Amino acid sequence: MNRVSAQTSPLTAFLHRRLPRLPAKIPSLSICSSPFPAISSSPKSIFTTSTAFGTSDFKHIFRKSVNFTDLIFVIGDDSVRVCGKSSLRSSMTKEAQNERDDMLIDDPEPQNEQIDAIPDEFNPNYLKAYYGRLFPHADMFKWMSYGNVVNISKTNSMGYIYTDGKHPACDQSYFGRREFSFTLDNDIYLRFQSFKSASELENGIKDKCPFKIDIGPVYSVDPSKRLAYAQSGDNVFTPVERELVFDIDISDYDDARYCCSGADVCLDCWPLMTIAIKVLHTSLRDDFGFNHILWVYSGRRGVHCWVCDGKARRLNNEQRGAIADYFRVYKGNNNSKSKVSLVGSALHPFLVRSYSDVLRDFFEKKLLCSQQLLSDERYEKILEMIPDESITSELRGKWQDSRRSTSGKDVNVVRWEQLKQLLQSGKQKSTGIRRCVEEIVFSFTYPRLDMEVSKHMNHLLKAPFCIHPKTGHVCIPIDPDVCDEFDPTNVPTLSKLMREINTGGMQVEADKVAVWERTSMGKSIKYFRESFLQPLMKSCKEDIEVSYTLKLQQSKNSLNW
């Protein structure tokens, strides 16, 4: 192993010269301290981290420690650099050209062992680096402004710097009336936060390093000044705009899955979320005409949907409730036999499309076998959904007599075919009996919405690109066109991103590319910008221009009159 002695006077003098320049907010690093955290066992590696990390943070970041003699920490004004043999010589040359040959360096061959130093669990100490280097502050500001007070002037490392909008129709107060809510450590909850600009938003997030960021509505006045308006006696503090949002949690499907329960999720039950995305996205687009729809992984157990069209943002509570009720089919609980409400002599066209295009195939080809829904231990739940006792008795008798399939097919598939044949045969006169097959499929597969989230404008929802504090997962967008490919067990995590920054930081500096582009979050940010944000901004610009032209025309007509 390469070993650079910390006891040689040139190195000691070199570090002592640099230590006084260490920012005051970072604890001093004693040269004589041992052990020091190791960043890599490879002596030629070089790592730079922002001095936002303190000494205690290093202990969290790096799982293994070695003596100070193994690696050299070079302290700069805004970085802490760990150098092996080659990079240390380069760093010292500038300040101690004549002293470098006095250093003791043994075993020049690098080790092949790599240390995966950062543990996978959520660590709040990493949030400062995440918000400082990866979180897309400018994109969030651009999104939440909807064309108001936003002009692109030039690019920075994250892609944008914004100045105030110059179009006369821009609402300069729009973004400043949006509520943000921060959840801090120890469940400290800060509601009604507001920011006037992109820089204020970014500084506020960096300063507080929230464990979670929630986004609320746009109010009639600045939400941070709501108390002043309340004291005046004028009831002017009220929400005026808010995206139409939907919240779907896998924990609401516990009676439809057996592989997991509660907040746990796996690749066998996650497709229930995929099906929810497919059903709702198609209807929001085709039935309601919405175009700007963002799906986001919640970070743990579900998905969130943001419908951002102007006509969606301006819906009142009654209209939002009507749309939520349009999607309401599932009405079940643990004590009810009937889980869905399929009213009328024929299904609504939306339900027919959902059933034939998505739900039926998913139930028969995926869910039935993955959850073993008609196994000996579980088929009674489905039999309870059939209102005719004679039919349930006949099926139960068949299944008890033949506990294994003789055809080579999965027993769940065989029993499902038997159930369908019996329920949908010409002998069954009742519409309710014939519809039992559809009701069973809907009960297990149809999206289960948190209705209250969708009905009220003032409901908060977690912001995209937050870090879930229980899992460390990033709440990344999901492309509905390829949602089958989304894997909740393989999303970027806070610790993974820190490892990627650590290993790729110096290369990023050399190539002059944005840090996020070299991380596993790069694809998600690119999708957010190119597939969601850019089309939305184009639409907002057109809406502002049309509205402004219409007002000018109305004003002109008024003058002519």
Protein backbone atom coordinates (compact mmCIF):
# COMPACT_ATOMS: atom_id res chain seq x y z
CA MET A 1 0.00 0.00 0.00
CA ASN A 2 1.24 3.46 -0.78
CA ARG A 3 2.13 5.25 2.38
CA VAL A 4 2.80 8.96 2.64
CA SER A 5 4.30 9.83 5.97
CA ALA A 6 2.50 12.50 7.95
CA GLN A 7 5.51 12.96 10.20
CA THR A 8 7.83 14.48 7.58
CA SER A 9 8.42 18.15 8.13
CA PRO A 10 7.69 19.26 4.51
CA LEU A 11 4.20 17.79 4.58
CA THR A 12 3.50 19.07 8.08
CA ALA A 13 4.58 22.54 7.08
CA PHE A 14 2.55 22.31 3.89
CA LEU A 15 -0.69 21.48 5.72
CA HIS A 16 -0.05 24.01 8.45
CA ARG A 17 0.25 26.70 5.81
CA ARG A 18 -3.16 25.72 4.41
CA LEU A 19 -5.10 25.12 7.64
CA PRO A 20 -5.36 28.79 8.68
CA ARG A 21 -7.31 29.42 5.46
CA LEU A 22 -9.99 26.91 6.39
CA PRO A 23 -13.42 28.63 6.65
CA ALA A 24 -14.45 29.35 10.20
CA LYS A 25 -17.66 27.30 9.92
CA ILE A 26 -15.67 24.10 9.39
CA PRO A 27 -14.00 22.50 12.43
CA SER A 28 -10.21 22.39 12.22
CA LEU A 29 -8.62 19.11 11.22
CA SER A 30 -5.70 18.23 13.45
CA ILE A 31 -2.68 16.91 11.59
CA CYS A 32 -1.85 14.56 14.43
CA SER A 33 -5.36 13.07 14.70
CA SER A 34 -5.64 9.37 14.00
CA PRO A 35 -7.47 7.66 12.47
CA PHE A 36 -8.55 9.94 9.64
CA PRO A 37 -11.40 8.84 7.33
CA ALA A 38 -10.21 7.21 4.15
CA ILE A 39 -11.85 8.25 0.93
CA SER A 40 -10.28 5.63 -1.26
CA SER A 41 -7.69 2.96 -0.86
CA SER A 42 -6.25 3.79 -4.25
CA PRO A 43 -3.24 6.11 -3.80
CA LYS A 44 -3.72 7.78 -7.18
CA SER A 45 -7.29 8.75 -6.50
CA ILE A 46 -8.24 12.33 -5.87
CA PHE A 47 -11.46 13.54 -4.29
CA THR A 48 -12.80 17.01 -3.65
CA THR A 49 -15.76 17.79 -1.45
CA SER A 50 -17.33 21.08 -0.54
CA THR A 51 -16.31 22.38 2.85
CA ALA A 52 -20.00 22.26 3.69
CA PHE A 53 -19.01 18.90 5.18
CA GLY A 54 -17.58 19.11 8.67
CA THR A 55 -15.38 16.62 10.46
CA SER A 56 -18.35 14.73 11.88
CA ASP A 57 -19.87 14.54 8.42
CA PHE A 58 -16.79 12.77 7.11
CA LYS A 59 -17.33 10.07 9.71
CA HIS A 60 -20.84 9.48 8.38
CA ILE A 61 -19.77 9.51 4.76
CA PHE A 62 -16.89 7.09 4.96
CA ARG A 63 -17.48 3.72 6.50
CA LYS A 64 -13.83 2.71 6.90
CA SER A 65 -10.99 4.68 8.44
CA VAL A 66 -7.25 4.45 8.13
CA ASN A 67 -4.36 6.29 9.74
CA PHE A 68 -3.53 9.74 8.51
CA THR A 69 -0.38 8.33 6.97
CA ASP A 70 -2.38 6.49 4.30
CA LEU A 71 -3.86 9.52 2.56
CA ILE A 72 -3.25 13.25 2.59
CA PHE A 73 -6.02 15.80 3.22
CA VAL A 74 -5.23 19.03 1.40
CA ILE A 75 -7.38 21.83 2.79
CA GLY A 76 -8.44 24.65 0.48
CA ASP A 77 -10.63 27.71 0.84
CA ASP A 78 -13.68 25.93 -0.49
CA SER A 79 -12.73 22.28 -0.65
CA VAL A 80 -11.18 19.38 1.19
CA ARG A 81 -9.05 17.34 -1.20
CA VAL A 82 -7.73 13.86 -0.57
CA CYS A 83 -4.66 13.06 -2.62
CA GLY A 84 -2.58 9.99 -3.26
CA LYS A 85 1.02 9.99 -4.38
CA SER A 86 0.73 11.63 -7.81
CA SER A 87 -1.84 14.33 -6.99
CA LEU A 88 -0.16 15.22 -3.71
CA ARG A 89 3.10 15.91 -5.52
CA SER A 90 1.26 18.15 -7.96
CA SER A 91 -0.45 20.08 -5.17
CA MET A 92 2.70 20.60 -3.16
CA THR A 93 4.83 21.63 -6.09
CA LYS A 94 3.30 25.10 -6.15
CA GLU A 95 4.16 25.79 -2.52
CA ALA A 96 7.02 23.46 -1.67
CA GLN A 97 8.85 22.63 -4.88
CA ASN A 98 12.13 21.99 -3.11
CA GLU A 99 10.68 19.88 -0.32
CA ARG A 100 8.69 17.21 -2.15
CA ASP A 101 11.59 14.76 -2.55
CA ASP A 102 11.87 14.50 1.24
CA MET A 103 8.53 12.71 1.48
CA LEU A 104 8.63 8.98 2.19
CA ILE A 105 6.65 6.99 -0.38
CA ASP A 106 6.65 3.19 -0.30
CA ASP A 107 5.13 0.56 -2.58
CA PRO A 108 4.32 2.59 -5.70
CA GLU A 109 1.80 0.12 -7.14
CA PRO A 110 -1.84 1.11 -6.45
CA GLN A 111 -4.21 -1.26 -4.75
CA ASN A 112 -7.14 -2.67 -6.72
CA GLU A 113 -9.51 -2.76 -3.76
CA GLN A 114 -12.31 -0.18 -3.95
CA ILE A 115 -14.20 0.93 -0.89
CA ASP A 116 -17.91 1.58 -1.28
CA ALA A 117 -17.61 4.09 1.51
CA ILE A 118 -21.03 5.69 1.86
CA PRO A 119 -23.77 3.67 3.59
CA ASP A 120 -27.12 3.33 1.82
CA GLU A 121 -29.40 4.62 4.58
CA PHE A 122 -30.68 8.19 4.64
CA ASN A 123 -28.24 10.61 6.23
CA PRO A 124 -29.35 14.22 6.78
CA ASN A 125 -25.73 15.36 6.65
CA TYR A 126 -25.76 14.81 2.90
CA LEU A 127 -28.67 17.17 2.28
CA LYS A 128 -26.46 20.25 2.22
CA ALA A 129 -24.42 18.83 -0.63
CA TYR A 130 -27.55 17.63 -2.44
CA TYR A 131 -29.31 20.99 -2.28
CA GLY A 132 -26.09 22.77 -3.10
CA ARG A 133 -25.07 20.76 -6.14
CA LEU A 134 -27.93 18.65 -7.49
CA PHE A 135 -31.39 19.96 -6.63
CA PRO A 136 -32.86 21.79 -9.69
CA HIS A 137 -33.80 25.05 -7.97
CA ALA A 138 -34.02 27.05 -11.18
CA ASP A 139 -36.22 24.47 -12.89
CA MET A 140 -38.59 24.40 -9.93
CA PHE A 141 -38.82 28.19 -10.01
CA LYS A 142 -39.46 28.18 -13.74
CA TRP A 143 -42.20 25.57 -13.34
CA MET A 144 -43.95 27.28 -10.43
CA SER A 145 -43.83 30.66 -12.23
CA TYR A 146 -45.80 29.43 -15.28
CA GLY A 147 -44.34 32.05 -17.56
CA ASN A 148 -44.59 34.92 -15.08
CA VAL A 149 -41.39 36.81 -14.12
CA VAL A 150 -39.21 34.39 -16.02
CA ASN A 151 -36.76 35.12 -18.82
CA ILE A 152 -33.66 33.09 -19.62
CA SER A 153 -30.67 35.38 -19.71
CA LYS A 154 -27.74 32.93 -19.74
CA THR A 155 -26.85 29.46 -18.56
CA ASN A 156 -25.11 28.34 -15.42
CA SER A 157 -24.06 24.91 -14.14
CA MET A 158 -27.67 23.85 -13.63
CA GLY A 159 -28.74 25.30 -16.95
CA TYR A 160 -30.51 28.58 -16.17
CA ILE A 161 -30.22 32.01 -14.62
CA TYR A 162 -33.41 34.02 -14.56
CA THR A 163 -34.23 37.69 -14.63
CA ASP A 164 -37.57 39.41 -14.21
CA GLY A 165 -40.01 38.92 -17.06
CA LYS A 166 -40.55 41.94 -19.30
CA HIS A 167 -43.84 41.00 -20.93
CA PRO A 168 -46.51 43.47 -19.76
CA ALA A 169 -48.95 40.63 -19.11
CA CYS A 170 -46.62 38.88 -16.64
CA ASP A 171 -47.90 38.79 -13.07
CA GLN A 172 -44.85 39.95 -11.12
CA SER A 173 -46.36 38.78 -7.81
CA TYR A 174 -47.39 35.31 -8.99
CA PHE A 175 -44.48 33.24 -7.70
CA GLY A 176 -44.31 35.20 -4.44
CA ARG A 177 -47.88 34.15 -3.61
CA ARG A 178 -47.08 30.43 -3.82
CA GLU A 179 -46.90 28.50 -0.53
CA PHE A 180 -43.94 26.27 0.21
CA SER A 181 -43.78 24.14 3.33
CA PHE A 182 -40.55 22.84 4.87
CA THR A 183 -40.29 19.88 7.22
CA LEU A 184 -37.05 20.08 9.19
CA ASP A 185 -35.29 17.67 11.51
CA ASN A 186 -37.28 16.54 14.58
CA ASP A 187 -40.53 17.12 12.62
CA ILE A 188 -40.28 20.89 12.79
CA TYR A 189 -42.93 22.07 10.34
CA LEU A 190 -42.68 25.44 8.60
CA ARG A 191 -45.77 26.30 6.59
CA PHE A 192 -46.58 29.37 4.49
CA GLN A 193 -43.04 29.97 3.29
CA SER A 194 -42.86 32.23 0.24
CA PHE A 195 -40.11 33.52 -2.04
CA LYS A 196 -40.02 36.38 -4.51
CA SER A 197 -37.35 35.07 -6.87
CA ALA A 198 -35.35 32.05 -7.94
CA SER A 199 -32.39 33.13 -5.83
CA GLU A 200 -34.59 33.54 -2.74
CA LEU A 201 -36.01 30.06 -3.24
CA GLU A 202 -32.57 28.55 -3.69
CA ASN A 203 -31.09 30.37 -0.70
CA GLY A 204 -34.05 29.44 1.48
CA ILE A 205 -33.72 25.76 0.66
CA LYS A 206 -29.96 25.73 1.07
CA ASP A 207 -30.18 27.58 4.36
CA LYS A 208 -32.79 25.33 5.99
CA CYS A 209 -31.91 22.02 4.28
CA PRO A 210 -35.45 20.67 4.72
CA PHE A 211 -36.04 16.95 5.08
CA LYS A 212 -39.12 17.44 2.92
CA ILE A 213 -40.52 20.22 0.71
CA ASP A 214 -44.25 20.44 0.12
CA ILE A 215 -45.90 22.72 -2.42
CA GLY A 216 -49.23 24.40 -1.80
CA PRO A 217 -51.47 26.74 -3.79
CA VAL A 218 -51.02 30.25 -5.10
CA TYR A 219 -52.88 32.54 -2.70
CA SER A 220 -54.52 35.89 -3.25
CA VAL A 221 -51.74 37.51 -1.18
CA ASP A 222 -48.25 36.60 0.00
CA PRO A 223 -48.85 33.66 2.41
CA SER A 224 -46.04 34.80 4.70
CA LYS A 225 -48.06 38.00 5.34
CA ARG A 226 -51.41 36.27 5.93
CA LEU A 227 -51.57 37.31 9.61
CA ALA A 228 -51.36 40.97 8.73
CA TYR A 229 -54.29 40.62 6.37
CA ALA A 230 -56.25 38.65 8.99
CA GLN A 231 -55.80 41.45 11.52
CA SER A 232 -57.13 43.96 9.04
CA GLY A 233 -60.45 42.16 9.02
CA ASP A 234 -60.45 41.68 5.27
CA ASN A 235 -60.98 38.05 4.32
CA VAL A 236 -58.61 38.23 1.35
CA PHE A 237 -56.29 35.32 2.12
CA THR A 238 -57.64 32.54 -0.04
CA PRO A 239 -56.20 30.08 -2.61
CA VAL A 240 -56.74 31.21 -6.19
CA GLU A 241 -54.71 28.67 -8.20
CA ARG A 242 -53.43 25.18 -7.65
CA GLU A 243 -52.47 22.26 -9.86
CA LEU A 244 -54.99 19.43 -10.01
CA VAL A 245 -53.19 16.72 -8.05
CA PHE A 246 -53.66 13.02 -7.34
CA ASP A 247 -52.04 10.87 -4.68
CA ILE A 248 -51.98 7.07 -4.91
CA ASP A 249 -50.33 4.91 -2.21
CA ILE A 250 -49.52 1.21 -2.48
CA SER A 251 -50.52 0.79 1.17
CA ASP A 252 -54.15 1.25 0.10
CA TYR A 253 -53.85 -2.00 -1.90
CA ASP A 254 -53.03 -4.27 1.03
CA ASP A 255 -56.16 -6.36 0.39
CA ALA A 256 -55.04 -6.86 -3.23
CA ARG A 257 -51.46 -7.98 -2.59
CA TYR A 258 -49.81 -10.62 -0.42
CA CYS A 259 -46.12 -10.05 -1.17
CA CYS A 260 -45.89 -6.86 0.93
CA SER A 261 -47.93 -4.70 3.27
CA GLY A 262 -47.95 -1.15 4.52
CA ALA A 263 -45.26 1.03 3.01
CA ASP A 264 -43.22 -1.93 1.75
CA VAL A 265 -43.12 -2.45 -1.99
CA CYS A 266 -41.52 -4.92 -4.40
CA LEU A 267 -41.49 -5.64 -8.12
CA ASP A 268 -44.50 -7.97 -7.76
CA CYS A 269 -46.86 -5.34 -6.36
CA TRP A 270 -45.42 -2.11 -7.85
CA PRO A 271 -47.18 -2.79 -11.21
CA LEU A 272 -50.39 -1.78 -9.41
CA MET A 273 -48.96 1.75 -9.43
CA THR A 274 -48.02 1.39 -13.10
CA ILE A 275 -51.61 0.44 -13.94
CA ALA A 276 -52.91 3.45 -12.00
CA ILE A 277 -50.66 5.74 -14.06
CA LYS A 278 -51.87 4.22 -17.33
CA VAL A 279 -55.56 4.46 -16.46
CA LEU A 280 -55.52 8.01 -15.10
CA HIS A 281 -53.09 9.45 -17.63
CA THR A 282 -55.15 8.23 -20.59
CA SER A 283 -58.35 9.65 -19.12
CA LEU A 284 -56.86 13.00 -18.10
CA ARG A 285 -55.51 13.40 -21.62
CA ASP A 286 -58.36 11.95 -23.71
CA ASP A 287 -61.45 12.63 -21.59
CA PHE A 288 -60.50 16.01 -20.10
CA GLY A 289 -58.07 17.34 -22.69
CA PHE A 290 -55.20 18.04 -20.30
CA ASN A 291 -51.74 18.12 -21.88
CA HIS A 292 -49.22 19.02 -19.18
CA ILE A 293 -49.23 16.11 -16.76
CA LEU A 294 -46.33 15.22 -14.48
CA TRP A 295 -46.08 11.86 -12.71
CA VAL A 296 -43.66 11.63 -9.79
CA TYR A 297 -42.48 8.74 -7.64
CA SER A 298 -43.32 9.58 -4.03
CA GLY A 299 -40.00 8.18 -2.81
CA ARG A 300 -41.41 5.22 -0.95
CA ARG A 301 -44.85 3.76 -1.53
CA GLY A 302 -46.69 5.47 -4.35
CA VAL A 303 -47.02 8.06 -7.06
CA HIS A 304 -48.18 11.67 -7.34
CA CYS A 305 -49.77 13.32 -10.35
CA TRP A 306 -49.58 17.06 -11.15
CA VAL A 307 -51.95 18.36 -13.85
CA CYS A 308 -50.53 21.76 -14.74
CA ASP A 309 -52.66 23.10 -17.59
CA GLY A 310 -54.01 26.59 -16.95
CA LYS A 311 -57.62 25.38 -16.96
CA ALA A 312 -56.71 22.72 -14.39
CA ARG A 313 -54.93 25.17 -12.08
CA ARG A 314 -57.95 27.48 -12.04
CA LEU A 315 -60.52 24.82 -11.06
CA ASN A 316 -62.42 25.56 -7.86
CA ASN A 317 -62.96 22.96 -5.14
CA GLU A 318 -66.36 21.90 -6.47
CA GLN A 319 -64.95 21.28 -9.94
CA ARG A 320 -61.99 19.37 -8.53
CA GLY A 321 -64.36 17.23 -6.53
CA ALA A 322 -66.37 16.45 -9.66
CA ILE A 323 -63.25 15.24 -11.48
CA ALA A 324 -62.17 13.16 -8.49
CA ASP A 325 -65.65 11.59 -8.35
CA TYR A 326 -65.41 10.82 -12.07
CA PHE A 327 -62.50 8.51 -11.23
CA ARG A 328 -64.09 7.09 -8.11
CA VAL A 329 -64.94 3.43 -8.57
CA TYR A 330 -63.24 1.76 -5.64
CA LYS A 331 -65.28 2.15 -2.45
CA GLY A 332 -64.22 -0.86 -0.46
CA ASN A 333 -62.77 -1.46 2.96
CA ASN A 334 -61.65 -4.52 4.88
CA ASN A 335 -65.20 -5.30 5.99
CA SER A 336 -67.05 -4.89 2.71
CA LYS A 337 -67.53 -7.73 0.23
CA SER A 338 -68.24 -5.41 -2.69
CA LYS A 339 -65.15 -3.28 -3.34
CA VAL A 340 -66.33 -1.29 -6.35
CA SER A 341 -69.40 0.55 -7.53
CA LEU A 342 -70.21 -0.21 -11.18
CA VAL A 343 -73.61 1.39 -11.58
CA GLY A 344 -75.96 1.33 -14.57
CA SER A 345 -76.94 -1.32 -17.07
CA ALA A 346 -73.72 -0.70 -19.02
CA LEU A 347 -70.29 0.48 -17.99
CA HIS A 348 -69.22 4.06 -18.66
CA PRO A 349 -67.03 4.28 -21.81
CA PHE A 350 -64.06 5.33 -19.66
CA LEU A 351 -64.42 2.18 -17.56
CA VAL A 352 -64.91 0.00 -20.63
CA ARG A 353 -61.69 1.38 -22.12
CA SER A 354 -59.78 0.97 -18.86
CA TYR A 355 -60.99 -2.61 -18.48
CA SER A 356 -60.37 -3.76 -22.03
CA ASP A 357 -57.11 -1.86 -22.66
CA VAL A 358 -55.38 -2.16 -19.30
CA LEU A 359 -57.02 -3.82 -16.31
CA ARG A 360 -58.15 -7.19 -17.68
CA ASP A 361 -54.83 -8.19 -19.21
CA PHE A 362 -52.89 -7.03 -16.18
CA PHE A 363 -55.11 -9.02 -13.81
CA GLU A 364 -55.09 -12.20 -15.87
CA LYS A 365 -51.48 -12.18 -17.06
CA LYS A 366 -49.69 -10.65 -14.08
CA LEU A 367 -51.51 -10.09 -10.81
CA LEU A 368 -53.44 -13.37 -10.67
CA CYS A 369 -50.28 -15.47 -10.60
CA SER A 370 -47.85 -13.09 -8.91
CA GLN A 371 -50.16 -12.77 -5.89
CA GLN A 372 -51.59 -16.32 -6.10
CA LEU A 373 -55.09 -14.91 -5.79
CA LEU A 374 -56.85 -18.25 -6.38
CA SER A 375 -54.54 -20.46 -4.36
CA ASP A 376 -56.08 -22.73 -1.75
CA GLU A 377 -55.39 -20.21 0.99
CA ARG A 378 -56.81 -17.19 -0.86
CA TYR A 379 -59.65 -18.06 -3.20
CA GLU A 380 -62.32 -17.56 -0.53
CA LYS A 381 -61.84 -13.78 -0.77
CA ILE A 382 -62.84 -13.85 -4.44
CA LEU A 383 -65.71 -16.25 -3.87
CA GLU A 384 -67.13 -13.80 -1.33
CA MET A 385 -67.54 -11.25 -4.15
CA ILE A 386 -70.01 -13.51 -5.97
CA PRO A 387 -73.57 -12.89 -4.68
CA ASP A 388 -74.98 -16.28 -5.79
CA GLU A 389 -74.32 -18.96 -3.20
CA SER A 390 -75.01 -21.81 -5.62
CA ILE A 391 -72.22 -20.61 -7.90
CA THR A 392 -69.72 -20.17 -5.06
CA SER A 393 -70.55 -23.68 -3.76
CA GLU A 394 -70.01 -25.21 -7.19
CA LEU A 395 -66.67 -23.46 -7.64
CA ARG A 396 -65.54 -24.30 -4.13
CA GLY A 397 -66.35 -27.97 -4.70
CA LYS A 398 -64.35 -28.05 -7.96
CA TRP A 399 -61.35 -26.36 -6.40
CA GLN A 400 -61.32 -28.55 -3.30
CA ASP A 401 -61.43 -31.70 -5.44
CA SER A 402 -58.65 -30.56 -7.76
CA ARG A 403 -55.99 -28.78 -5.78
CA ARG A 404 -53.43 -29.08 -8.58
CA SER A 405 -53.69 -28.36 -12.27
CA THR A 406 -53.42 -31.44 -14.51
CA SER A 407 -53.02 -29.39 -17.70
CA GLY A 408 -49.66 -27.93 -16.77
CA LYS A 409 -51.13 -24.43 -16.43
CA ASP A 410 -50.85 -22.38 -13.27
CA VAL A 411 -53.68 -23.39 -10.94
CA ASN A 412 -54.70 -19.73 -10.58
CA VAL A 413 -55.20 -19.45 -14.35
CA VAL A 414 -57.21 -22.68 -14.50
CA ARG A 415 -59.52 -21.63 -11.68
CA TRP A 416 -60.01 -18.16 -13.15
CA GLU A 417 -61.12 -19.69 -16.46
CA GLN A 418 -63.56 -21.91 -14.59
CA LEU A 419 -64.95 -18.94 -12.70
CA LYS A 420 -65.40 -16.86 -15.87
CA GLN A 421 -67.06 -19.71 -17.72
CA LEU A 422 -69.58 -20.26 -14.95
CA LEU A 423 -70.38 -16.58 -14.34
CA GLN A 424 -70.60 -15.52 -17.97
CA SER A 425 -72.47 -18.55 -19.35
CA GLY A 426 -75.86 -18.14 -20.98
CA LYS A 427 -77.51 -19.66 -17.92
CA GLN A 428 -76.88 -16.50 -15.91
CA LYS A 429 -79.75 -14.10 -16.47
CA SER A 430 -78.81 -11.51 -13.87
CA THR A 431 -76.70 -8.58 -15.02
CA GLY A 432 -75.11 -8.48 -11.58
CA ILE A 433 -73.90 -12.07 -11.90
CA ARG A 434 -72.49 -11.55 -15.37
CA ARG A 435 -70.71 -8.41 -14.21
CA CYS A 436 -69.02 -10.20 -11.30
CA VAL A 437 -65.95 -10.92 -13.43
CA GLU A 438 -65.50 -7.21 -14.18
CA GLU A 439 -66.12 -6.28 -10.54
CA ILE A 440 -63.45 -8.71 -9.35
CA VAL A 441 -60.92 -7.28 -11.81
CA PHE A 442 -61.77 -3.69 -10.86
CA SER A 443 -61.60 -4.53 -7.14
CA PHE A 444 -58.03 -5.72 -7.41
CA THR A 445 -56.59 -3.40 -10.06
CA TYR A 446 -58.45 -0.08 -10.38
CA PRO A 447 -56.61 3.03 -9.04
CA ARG A 448 -57.35 3.87 -5.43
CA LEU A 449 -57.13 7.63 -5.00
CA ASP A 450 -56.76 9.72 -1.89
CA MET A 451 -59.86 11.71 -2.74
CA GLU A 452 -59.29 14.55 -0.26
CA VAL A 453 -55.94 15.44 -1.83
CA SER A 454 -57.62 16.02 -5.20
CA LYS A 455 -60.73 17.85 -3.98
CA HIS A 456 -59.21 20.79 -2.11
CA MET A 457 -56.98 23.56 -3.45
CA ASN A 458 -55.14 24.11 -0.18
CA HIS A 459 -53.85 20.55 0.13
CA LEU A 460 -50.05 20.25 0.14
CA LEU A 461 -48.12 17.75 -1.96
CA LYS A 462 -44.47 16.74 -1.84
CA ALA A 463 -42.27 18.50 -4.39
CA PRO A 464 -40.51 16.54 -7.11
CA PHE A 465 -36.81 15.86 -6.53
CA CYS A 466 -37.23 15.81 -2.75
CA ILE A 467 -35.44 13.12 -0.77
CA HIS A 468 -37.74 10.77 1.12
CA PRO A 469 -36.40 10.83 4.70
CA LYS A 470 -37.38 7.20 5.40
CA THR A 471 -35.78 5.65 2.32
CA GLY A 472 -33.31 8.23 0.99
CA HIS A 473 -34.93 7.83 -2.44
CA VAL A 474 -35.19 10.81 -4.77
CA CYS A 475 -38.74 11.65 -5.84
CA ILE A 476 -38.00 11.47 -9.55
CA PRO A 477 -40.48 11.97 -12.41
CA ILE A 478 -41.94 8.91 -14.15
CA ASP A 479 -42.45 8.93 -17.90
CA PRO A 480 -46.01 7.59 -18.41
CA ASP A 481 -45.10 6.40 -21.90
CA VAL A 482 -42.58 3.94 -20.49
CA CYS A 483 -43.87 3.55 -16.93
CA ASP A 484 -43.62 -0.24 -17.25
CA GLU A 485 -39.84 0.21 -17.12
CA PHE A 486 -39.83 2.14 -13.84
CA ASP A 487 -38.20 0.20 -11.00
CA PRO A 488 -38.79 1.64 -7.50
CA THR A 489 -35.95 -0.47 -6.14
CA ASN A 490 -33.44 1.15 -8.49
CA VAL A 491 -34.11 4.87 -8.22
CA PRO A 492 -31.34 7.30 -7.25
CA THR A 493 -30.74 7.55 -3.52
CA LEU A 494 -29.09 10.32 -1.57
CA SER A 495 -26.15 8.10 -0.62
CA LYS A 496 -25.72 6.85 -4.19
CA LEU A 497 -25.65 10.42 -5.47
CA MET A 498 -22.98 11.32 -2.92
CA ARG A 499 -20.85 8.42 -4.11
CA GLU A 500 -21.30 9.56 -7.69
CA ILE A 501 -20.30 13.12 -6.80
CA ASN A 502 -17.27 11.82 -4.95
CA THR A 503 -16.02 9.65 -7.81
CA GLY A 504 -16.93 12.01 -10.64
CA GLY A 505 -16.40 15.44 -9.13
CA MET A 506 -12.95 16.11 -10.52
CA GLN A 507 -13.86 14.83 -13.99
CA VAL A 508 -16.88 17.15 -13.99
CA GLU A 509 -14.64 20.11 -13.23
CA ALA A 510 -12.30 19.13 -16.03
CA ASP A 511 -15.08 18.62 -18.60
CA LYS A 512 -17.03 21.70 -17.44
CA VAL A 513 -20.35 19.86 -17.39
CA ALA A 514 -23.13 20.15 -14.84
CA VAL A 515 -22.65 17.89 -11.83
CA TRP A 516 -26.11 16.33 -12.19
CA GLU A 517 -25.32 15.15 -15.72
CA ARG A 518 -22.74 12.71 -14.32
CA THR A 519 -25.13 11.21 -11.75
CA SER A 520 -27.98 8.71 -11.87
CA MET A 521 -30.37 11.67 -11.49
CA GLY A 522 -29.30 13.17 -14.82
CA LYS A 523 -31.83 11.25 -16.90
CA SER A 524 -34.68 12.37 -14.63
CA ILE A 525 -33.73 16.06 -14.76
CA LYS A 526 -33.38 15.86 -18.52
CA TYR A 527 -36.83 14.29 -18.84
CA PHE A 528 -38.33 16.91 -16.52
CA ARG A 529 -36.87 19.74 -18.61
CA GLU A 530 -37.35 18.45 -22.12
CA SER A 531 -40.57 16.42 -21.92
CA PHE A 532 -42.49 18.38 -19.29
CA LEU A 533 -41.09 21.84 -18.61
CA GLN A 534 -40.30 23.04 -22.12
CA PRO A 535 -43.73 22.19 -23.61
CA LEU A 536 -45.39 23.70 -20.54
CA MET A 537 -43.44 26.95 -20.84
CA LYS A 538 -44.28 27.20 -24.52
CA SER A 539 -47.95 26.80 -23.71
CA CYS A 540 -47.78 29.35 -20.87
CA LYS A 541 -46.11 31.89 -23.14
CA GLU A 542 -48.85 31.42 -25.73
CA ASP A 543 -51.57 31.73 -23.07
CA ILE A 544 -50.05 34.95 -21.73
CA GLU A 545 -49.80 36.41 -25.22
CA VAL A 546 -53.38 35.44 -26.12
CA SER A 547 -54.70 36.86 -22.85
CA TYR A 548 -52.79 40.09 -23.36
CA THR A 549 -53.99 40.47 -26.95
CA LEU A 550 -57.57 39.85 -25.87
CA LYS A 551 -57.36 42.52 -23.16
CA LEU A 552 -55.91 45.01 -25.64
CA GLN A 553 -58.73 44.28 -28.04
CA GLN A 554 -61.33 44.70 -25.32
CA SER A 555 -59.76 47.97 -24.27
CA LYS A 556 -59.73 49.18 -27.87
CA ASN A 557 -63.38 48.25 -28.33
CA SER A 558 -64.27 50.07 -25.13
CA LEU A 559 -62.55 53.24 -26.35
CA ASN A 560 -64.28 53.02 -29.72
CA TRP A 561 -67.63 52.76 -28.00
